[in-house]
């Protein structure tokens, strides 16, 4: 009876050893060759180990009781089951471990793509231009000789009380009424589109017609020097034309032609016209910071660049005159200061200036003076006259 129990224990021990060896071989194959062991092969290994265990039990001697403790110890160890589900779980764990870095790098990739969008690139360009402008200003601010700095220098000169600094405005400055009319028309169009108060009933064609009349008058003023005589002749000609049309009965038909003239512009179009005009005026003003004329009682300085590049001309070598022949331009406050030279080879310089009334008076005042430079020396006490002998 004891021998039968011993045989059973030995058989169980050998079975456990076979299962342990089969599981170890399956793990080694999975790690080395990345292959999943098949459940059929595992069952074949188990059946082979059972056959071996049966043969071993028959050869055991009846008196071998010393191996019973070892077999019981081995029987107490847990059975390792290496099936296909366990291998699949390992593969899933390995794939999840590989996917974790990719998921971790996802937000970083989105953040990098956010910083490289077209809007961010445009923002970087704007910052670069601003930094470059500030750096250029700090580097060149002591070498620049602008019109504003020259005015400060002239005010600090104790020998010069009266001076005149002027620059040439662009001829498009005469379109300033058109720019104002464009801004007003744009606001009216926005109110008309919003149907706000009484502005919703305004016909856009009426706004466009009034704007075109202002633009056409500005075009005539800018293109031609309309004098008072030219304006009077034009008004008389129009009056005689209407009188003749009235005599032949064609006045209503002639005026009816203008009813078919329809001009409707959107609010964006009006704003675009005003922005282009204001940009042209701004460029002219910026150019006038470096190209200007300084007139003093003794000399005239022609500035021709951002630095000290220029020319000084004595008061005897040039003359000045005021030209306000353009009547409509004079109504807008603009006129010309014409500088002629004693050297006939040099072409005259015509400067279109604003506030022509005040500048003309100041120019006459400057040209009428002659400044004498007095050196400030320490006063010397006069010597007393020798006394005559009595």
Protein backbone atom coordinates (compact mmCIF):
# COMPACT_ATOMS: atom_id res chain seq x y z
CA UNK A 1 0.00 0.00 0.00
CA UNK A 2 2.82 2.34 0.82
CA UNK A 3 4.57 1.39 -2.41
CA UNK A 4 1.48 2.38 -4.40
CA UNK A 5 1.34 5.74 -2.66
CA UNK A 6 5.04 6.23 -3.36
CA UNK A 7 4.52 5.49 -7.04
CA UNK A 8 1.68 7.96 -7.24
CA UNK A 9 3.79 10.65 -5.59
CA UNK A 10 6.70 10.05 -7.95
CA UNK A 11 4.38 10.18 -10.95
CA UNK A 12 2.90 13.49 -9.81
CA UNK A 13 6.38 14.87 -9.20
CA UNK A 14 7.61 13.92 -12.64
CA UNK A 15 4.45 15.38 -14.15
CA UNK A 16 5.05 18.70 -12.42
CA UNK A 17 8.68 18.71 -13.56
CA UNK A 18 7.57 18.09 -17.15
CA UNK A 19 5.05 20.90 -17.05
CA UNK A 20 7.62 23.30 -15.57
CA UNK A 21 10.16 22.38 -18.29
CA UNK A 22 7.56 22.79 -21.03
CA UNK A 23 6.57 26.23 -19.72
CA UNK A 24 10.21 27.36 -19.52
CA UNK A 25 10.81 26.19 -23.11
CA UNK A 26 7.71 28.06 -24.29
CA UNK A 27 8.84 31.30 -22.59
CA UNK A 28 12.32 31.04 -24.10
CA UNK A 29 10.86 30.58 -27.56
CA UNK A 30 8.55 33.61 -27.14
CA UNK A 31 11.35 35.88 -25.94
CA UNK A 32 13.93 34.79 -28.45
CA UNK A 33 11.82 34.39 -31.58
CA UNK A 34 8.78 36.60 -30.78
CA UNK A 35 6.46 33.66 -31.52
CA UNK A 36 3.31 32.63 -29.66
CA UNK A 37 3.36 28.96 -28.56
CA UNK A 38 0.50 26.83 -29.76
CA UNK A 39 -1.81 25.09 -27.27
CA UNK A 40 -1.62 21.83 -29.29
CA UNK A 41 2.14 21.65 -28.89
CA UNK A 42 1.75 22.26 -25.15
CA UNK A 43 -0.70 19.34 -24.91
CA UNK A 44 1.70 17.09 -26.85
CA UNK A 45 4.49 17.92 -24.43
CA UNK A 46 2.29 17.15 -21.46
CA UNK A 47 1.32 13.75 -22.89
CA UNK A 48 4.97 12.87 -23.53
CA UNK A 49 5.86 13.79 -19.98
CA UNK A 50 3.06 11.57 -18.67
CA UNK A 51 4.46 8.61 -20.60
CA UNK A 52 7.91 9.24 -19.21
CA UNK A 53 6.55 9.52 -15.69
CA UNK A 54 4.74 6.15 -15.96
CA UNK A 55 7.89 4.41 -17.13
CA UNK A 56 9.90 5.95 -14.29
CA UNK A 57 7.46 4.85 -11.65
CA UNK A 58 7.71 1.18 -12.66
CA UNK A 59 11.52 1.20 -12.20
CA UNK A 60 11.48 2.71 -8.73
CA UNK A 61 12.62 0.42 -5.89
CA UNK A 62 10.22 -0.29 -3.01
CA UNK A 63 12.59 1.04 -0.38
CA UNK A 64 13.17 4.55 -1.85
CA UNK A 65 11.32 6.56 0.74
CA UNK A 66 13.94 9.30 1.09
CA UNK A 67 12.69 11.09 -2.05
CA UNK A 68 9.19 11.45 -0.68
CA UNK A 69 9.91 14.71 1.08
CA UNK A 70 11.43 16.26 -2.02
CA UNK A 71 8.49 15.14 -4.12
CA UNK A 72 6.04 16.59 -1.61
CA UNK A 73 7.95 19.91 -1.72
CA UNK A 74 7.77 19.95 -5.47
CA UNK A 75 4.10 19.07 -5.29
CA UNK A 76 3.51 22.15 -3.12
CA UNK A 77 4.75 24.55 -5.87
CA UNK A 78 2.05 26.22 -8.05
CA UNK A 79 1.44 24.89 -11.52
CA UNK A 80 2.49 27.29 -14.26
CA UNK A 81 -0.04 27.35 -17.09
CA UNK A 82 1.37 28.84 -20.31
CA UNK A 83 -1.60 28.97 -22.61
CA UNK A 84 -2.40 31.10 -25.64
CA UNK A 85 -4.32 33.70 -23.57
CA UNK A 86 -1.24 34.46 -21.46
CA UNK A 87 0.90 34.91 -24.56
CA UNK A 88 -1.70 37.18 -26.13
CA UNK A 89 -1.78 39.31 -22.97
CA UNK A 90 2.00 39.69 -23.14
CA UNK A 91 1.78 40.84 -26.76
CA UNK A 92 -0.93 43.36 -25.85
CA UNK A 93 1.17 44.65 -22.95
CA UNK A 94 4.16 45.06 -25.27
CA UNK A 95 2.09 46.94 -27.87
CA UNK A 96 0.60 49.21 -25.19
CA UNK A 97 4.11 49.93 -23.91
CA UNK A 98 5.13 50.96 -27.42
CA UNK A 99 2.02 53.13 -27.86
CA UNK A 100 2.56 55.05 -24.62
CA UNK A 101 5.52 57.14 -25.98
CA UNK A 102 3.49 57.93 -29.09
CA UNK A 103 0.55 59.10 -26.97
CA UNK A 104 2.89 61.09 -24.77
CA UNK A 105 4.38 62.79 -27.82
CA UNK A 106 0.93 63.69 -29.21
CA UNK A 107 0.34 66.91 -27.17
CA UNK A 108 3.93 68.00 -27.82
CA UNK A 109 3.40 67.58 -31.55
CA UNK A 110 0.16 69.59 -31.40
CA UNK A 111 1.90 72.34 -29.44
CA UNK A 112 4.72 72.51 -31.98
CA UNK A 113 2.23 72.69 -34.85
CA UNK A 114 0.37 75.50 -33.04
CA UNK A 115 3.53 77.62 -32.85
CA UNK A 116 4.17 77.14 -36.59
CA UNK A 117 0.80 78.24 -37.97
CA UNK A 118 0.53 81.02 -40.55
CA UNK A 119 -0.84 83.47 -37.98
CA UNK A 120 2.06 82.85 -35.63
CA UNK A 121 4.56 83.26 -38.50
CA UNK A 122 2.96 86.61 -39.37
CA UNK A 123 3.21 87.57 -35.70
CA UNK A 124 6.90 86.65 -35.68
CA UNK A 125 7.50 88.82 -38.77
CA UNK A 126 5.75 91.79 -37.13
CA UNK A 127 7.84 91.40 -33.98
CA UNK A 128 11.02 91.17 -36.07
CA UNK A 129 10.19 94.36 -37.96
CA UNK A 130 9.40 96.19 -34.72
CA UNK A 131 12.67 95.07 -33.14
CA UNK A 132 14.63 96.02 -36.28
CA UNK A 133 13.00 99.47 -36.34
CA UNK A 134 13.78 100.12 -32.68
CA UNK A 135 17.37 98.91 -33.12
CA UNK A 136 17.84 101.12 -36.20
CA UNK A 137 16.45 104.10 -34.31
CA UNK A 138 18.86 103.62 -31.39
CA UNK A 139 21.80 103.20 -33.76
CA UNK A 140 20.99 106.12 -36.06
CA UNK A 141 19.23 108.58 -33.78
CA UNK A 142 22.40 110.62 -33.27
CA UNK A 143 23.22 110.72 -36.97
CA UNK A 144 19.72 111.50 -38.27
CA UNK A 145 19.06 115.13 -39.10
CA UNK A 146 15.31 115.31 -39.39
CA UNK A 147 13.12 118.34 -39.88
CA UNK A 148 11.91 118.12 -36.29
CA UNK A 149 15.45 118.06 -34.91
CA UNK A 150 16.43 121.04 -37.07
CA UNK A 151 13.55 123.01 -35.60
CA UNK A 152 14.87 122.32 -32.09
CA UNK A 153 18.37 123.42 -33.13
CA UNK A 154 17.04 126.67 -34.58
CA UNK A 155 15.04 127.44 -31.46
CA UNK A 156 18.15 126.98 -29.31
CA UNK A 157 20.24 129.35 -31.45
CA UNK A 158 20.31 132.75 -29.71
CA UNK A 159 21.41 134.57 -32.85
CA UNK A 160 18.41 133.47 -34.92
CA UNK A 161 14.98 134.67 -33.89
CA UNK A 162 13.08 134.10 -37.13
CA UNK A 163 13.40 131.12 -39.46
CA UNK A 164 11.22 129.01 -41.74
CA UNK A 165 11.36 125.25 -42.32
CA UNK A 166 9.22 123.91 -45.17
CA UNK A 167 8.95 120.74 -47.23
CA UNK A 168 7.11 119.73 -50.37
CA UNK A 169 3.74 118.06 -49.92
CA UNK A 170 2.57 115.63 -52.57
CA UNK A 171 -0.03 116.93 -55.01
CA UNK A 172 -2.43 114.24 -53.72
CA UNK A 173 -2.85 116.33 -50.58
CA UNK A 174 -5.41 118.28 -52.60
CA UNK A 175 -7.61 115.16 -52.53
CA UNK A 176 -8.09 115.61 -48.80
CA UNK A 177 -11.77 116.63 -49.23
CA UNK A 178 -12.35 113.43 -51.21
CA UNK A 179 -10.84 111.39 -48.37
CA UNK A 180 -13.12 113.07 -45.84
CA UNK A 181 -16.11 112.51 -48.14
CA UNK A 182 -15.12 108.83 -48.49
CA UNK A 183 -15.09 108.35 -44.71
CA UNK A 184 -18.49 110.05 -44.37
CA UNK A 185 -19.93 107.99 -47.25
CA UNK A 186 -18.64 104.76 -45.68
CA UNK A 187 -20.38 105.57 -42.40
CA UNK A 188 -23.60 106.40 -44.23
CA UNK A 189 -23.44 103.10 -46.10
CA UNK A 190 -22.97 101.17 -42.86
CA UNK A 191 -25.97 102.95 -41.34
CA UNK A 192 -28.01 102.33 -44.49
CA UNK A 193 -27.19 98.61 -44.46
CA UNK A 194 -28.12 98.42 -40.77
CA UNK A 195 -31.43 100.22 -41.53
CA UNK A 196 -30.85 102.54 -38.58
CA UNK A 197 -33.21 105.50 -38.07
CA UNK A 198 -33.78 107.48 -41.26
CA UNK A 199 -30.53 106.31 -42.87
CA UNK A 200 -32.16 103.10 -44.09
CA UNK A 201 -34.18 105.06 -46.67
CA UNK A 202 -31.11 106.71 -48.26
CA UNK A 203 -30.43 105.64 -51.83
CA UNK A 204 -26.80 104.44 -52.22
CA UNK A 205 -26.75 105.95 -55.72
CA UNK A 206 -27.28 109.43 -54.26
CA UNK A 207 -24.31 108.95 -51.92
CA UNK A 208 -22.19 107.74 -54.84
CA UNK A 209 -23.23 110.69 -57.00
CA UNK A 210 -22.32 113.29 -54.38
CA UNK A 211 -19.00 111.55 -53.74
CA UNK A 212 -18.19 111.52 -57.46
CA UNK A 213 -18.88 115.26 -57.78
CA UNK A 214 -16.43 116.00 -54.95
CA UNK A 215 -13.84 113.68 -56.51
CA UNK A 216 -14.25 115.32 -59.92
CA UNK A 217 -13.73 118.81 -58.48
CA UNK A 218 -10.63 117.60 -56.65
CA UNK A 219 -9.34 116.14 -59.89
CA UNK A 220 -9.73 119.48 -61.65
CA UNK A 221 -7.98 121.31 -58.80
CA UNK A 222 -5.08 118.85 -58.73
CA UNK A 223 -4.66 118.52 -62.50
CA UNK A 224 -5.12 122.15 -63.52
CA UNK A 225 -4.21 125.46 -61.92
CA UNK A 226 -7.67 126.95 -61.85
CA UNK A 227 -7.42 130.68 -61.35
CA UNK A 228 -10.25 133.02 -60.47
CA UNK A 229 -10.46 134.12 -64.11
CA UNK A 230 -10.73 130.51 -65.30
CA UNK A 231 -13.46 129.80 -62.77
CA UNK A 232 -15.50 132.86 -63.83
CA UNK A 233 -15.19 131.98 -67.51
CA UNK A 234 -16.31 128.40 -66.79
CA UNK A 235 -19.37 129.53 -64.83
CA UNK A 236 -20.40 132.00 -67.55
CA UNK A 237 -20.00 129.32 -70.23
CA UNK A 238 -22.22 126.89 -68.33
CA UNK A 239 -24.83 129.64 -67.84
CA UNK A 240 -24.93 130.49 -71.56
CA UNK A 241 -25.20 126.77 -72.42
CA UNK A 242 -28.22 126.31 -70.15
CA UNK A 243 -29.80 129.49 -71.57
CA UNK A 244 -29.41 128.26 -75.15
CA UNK A 245 -30.82 124.84 -74.22
CA UNK A 246 -33.80 126.56 -72.62
CA UNK A 247 -34.47 128.52 -75.81
CA UNK A 248 -34.59 125.37 -77.92
CA UNK A 249 -36.48 123.41 -75.24
CA UNK A 250 -33.78 120.83 -74.55
CA UNK A 251 -33.05 121.64 -70.91
CA UNK A 252 -35.17 118.86 -69.45
CA UNK A 253 -33.75 116.31 -71.88
CA UNK A 254 -30.18 117.43 -71.17
CA UNK A 255 -30.65 117.20 -67.40
CA UNK A 256 -32.42 113.86 -67.82
CA UNK A 257 -29.17 112.37 -69.12
CA UNK A 258 -27.72 112.57 -65.62
CA UNK A 259 -30.53 110.41 -64.23
CA UNK A 260 -29.02 107.40 -65.98
CA UNK A 261 -25.68 108.03 -64.34
CA UNK A 262 -25.76 105.65 -61.37
CA UNK A 263 -22.75 105.14 -59.10
CA UNK A 264 -23.09 102.83 -56.12
CA UNK A 265 -20.03 101.85 -54.07
CA UNK A 266 -19.96 99.67 -50.99
CA UNK A 267 -18.76 100.92 -47.63
CA UNK A 268 -15.59 98.86 -48.00
CA UNK A 269 -14.84 100.60 -51.30
CA UNK A 270 -15.15 104.04 -49.71
CA UNK A 271 -12.87 103.01 -46.86
CA UNK A 272 -10.32 101.63 -49.32
CA UNK A 273 -10.20 104.96 -51.18
CA UNK A 274 -9.68 106.89 -47.94
CA UNK A 275 -6.98 104.50 -46.68
CA UNK A 276 -5.02 104.70 -49.95
CA UNK A 277 -5.20 108.50 -49.92
CA UNK A 278 -4.14 108.79 -46.28
CA UNK A 279 -1.27 106.36 -46.89
CA UNK A 280 -0.04 108.54 -49.77
CA UNK A 281 -0.11 111.62 -47.55
CA UNK A 282 1.72 109.77 -44.76
CA UNK A 283 4.51 108.74 -47.14
CA UNK A 284 4.86 112.35 -48.29
CA UNK A 285 5.13 113.53 -44.68
CA UNK A 286 7.78 110.90 -43.89
CA UNK A 287 9.79 111.98 -46.92
CA UNK A 288 9.56 115.57 -45.72
CA UNK A 289 11.38 114.57 -42.53
CA UNK A 290 14.62 114.21 -44.53
CA UNK A 291 14.10 116.44 -47.59
CA UNK A 292 13.31 119.99 -46.54
CA UNK A 293 14.47 123.60 -46.75
CA UNK A 294 15.54 125.79 -43.85
CA UNK A 295 15.47 129.53 -44.55
CA UNK A 296 17.24 131.92 -42.17
CA UNK A 297 18.07 135.63 -42.55
CA UNK A 298 21.67 134.88 -43.65
CA UNK A 299 21.47 131.61 -45.58
CA UNK A 300 19.27 128.79 -46.86
CA UNK A 301 19.99 125.12 -46.12
CA UNK A 302 18.83 122.45 -48.59
CA UNK A 303 18.61 119.13 -46.75
CA UNK A 304 18.84 116.13 -49.09
CA UNK A 305 19.01 113.02 -46.94
CA UNK A 306 18.68 111.51 -43.48
CA UNK A 307 22.18 112.60 -42.40
CA UNK A 308 24.13 115.86 -42.78
CA UNK A 309 23.99 115.75 -46.59
CA UNK A 310 22.90 119.19 -47.75
CA UNK A 311 23.86 122.53 -49.25
CA UNK A 312 24.04 126.03 -47.82
CA UNK A 313 23.32 128.97 -50.09
CA UNK A 314 23.91 132.61 -49.14
CA UNK A 315 21.05 135.07 -49.10
CA UNK A 316 22.49 136.93 -52.11
CA UNK A 317 22.42 133.81 -54.31
CA UNK A 318 18.69 133.06 -54.24
CA UNK A 319 15.28 134.71 -54.25
CA UNK A 320 11.84 133.59 -53.11
CA UNK A 321 8.29 134.28 -54.24
CA UNK A 322 4.80 133.11 -53.25
CA UNK A 323 2.49 131.47 -55.79
CA UNK A 324 -1.23 131.10 -54.96
CA UNK A 325 -2.58 131.13 -58.49
CA UNK A 326 -4.56 127.92 -57.89
CA UNK A 327 -7.73 129.39 -56.43
CA UNK A 328 -9.30 126.18 -55.13
CA UNK A 329 -5.95 125.10 -53.71
CA UNK A 330 -5.75 128.43 -51.91
CA UNK A 331 -9.23 127.86 -50.49
CA UNK A 332 -7.91 124.61 -49.03
CA UNK A 333 -4.98 126.51 -47.47
CA UNK A 334 -2.26 125.36 -49.88
CA UNK A 335 0.15 127.40 -51.93
CA UNK A 336 3.63 127.26 -53.45
CA UNK A 337 6.90 128.81 -52.30
CA UNK A 338 9.12 129.14 -55.36
CA UNK A 339 12.89 129.48 -54.88
CA UNK A 340 14.91 130.84 -57.80
CA UNK A 341 18.70 130.99 -57.98
CA UNK A 342 21.13 133.60 -59.18
CA UNK A 343 22.84 130.89 -61.20
CA UNK A 344 20.54 130.47 -64.20
CA UNK A 345 21.74 126.91 -64.76
CA UNK A 346 19.92 125.75 -61.65
CA UNK A 347 16.25 124.92 -61.94
CA UNK A 348 13.82 126.67 -59.59
CA UNK A 349 12.44 124.75 -56.62
CA UNK A 350 8.67 124.80 -56.04
CA UNK A 351 7.47 123.67 -52.62
CA UNK A 352 3.78 123.00 -52.01
CA UNK A 353 3.14 123.98 -48.39
CA UNK A 354 0.11 124.06 -46.10
CA UNK A 355 -0.96 127.14 -44.17
CA UNK A 356 0.35 129.36 -46.92
CA UNK A 357 -0.93 132.55 -45.29
CA UNK A 358 1.18 132.26 -42.13
CA UNK A 359 4.22 130.91 -43.97
CA UNK A 360 4.14 133.74 -46.50
CA UNK A 361 4.16 136.33 -43.70
CA UNK A 362 7.00 134.56 -41.89
CA UNK A 363 9.04 134.29 -45.11
CA UNK A 364 8.74 138.03 -45.71
CA UNK A 365 9.84 138.67 -42.14
CA UNK A 366 12.87 136.38 -42.45
CA UNK A 367 13.98 137.81 -45.79
CA UNK A 368 13.72 141.36 -44.49
CA UNK A 369 16.28 140.74 -41.72
CA UNK A 370 20.04 140.50 -41.66
CA UNK A 371 21.57 138.90 -38.59
CA UNK A 372 24.95 140.08 -37.36
CA UNK A 373 26.83 137.65 -35.17
CA UNK A 374 28.08 139.46 -32.07
CA UNK A 375 30.83 137.70 -30.11
CA UNK A 376 30.34 137.70 -26.39
CA UNK A 377 33.57 138.81 -24.74
CA UNK A 378 34.38 139.96 -21.30
CA UNK A 379 33.86 143.66 -20.93
CA UNK A 380 37.05 145.72 -20.70
CA UNK A 381 36.99 148.68 -18.37
CA UNK A 382 37.87 151.90 -20.23
CA UNK A 383 41.16 153.64 -19.41
CA UNK A 384 40.73 156.97 -17.56
CA UNK A 385 41.83 159.99 -19.58
CA UNK A 386 45.07 161.63 -18.44
CA UNK A 387 44.48 164.76 -16.45
CA UNK A 388 45.71 168.00 -17.93
CA UNK A 389 48.24 169.95 -15.86
CA UNK A 390 46.79 172.95 -14.20
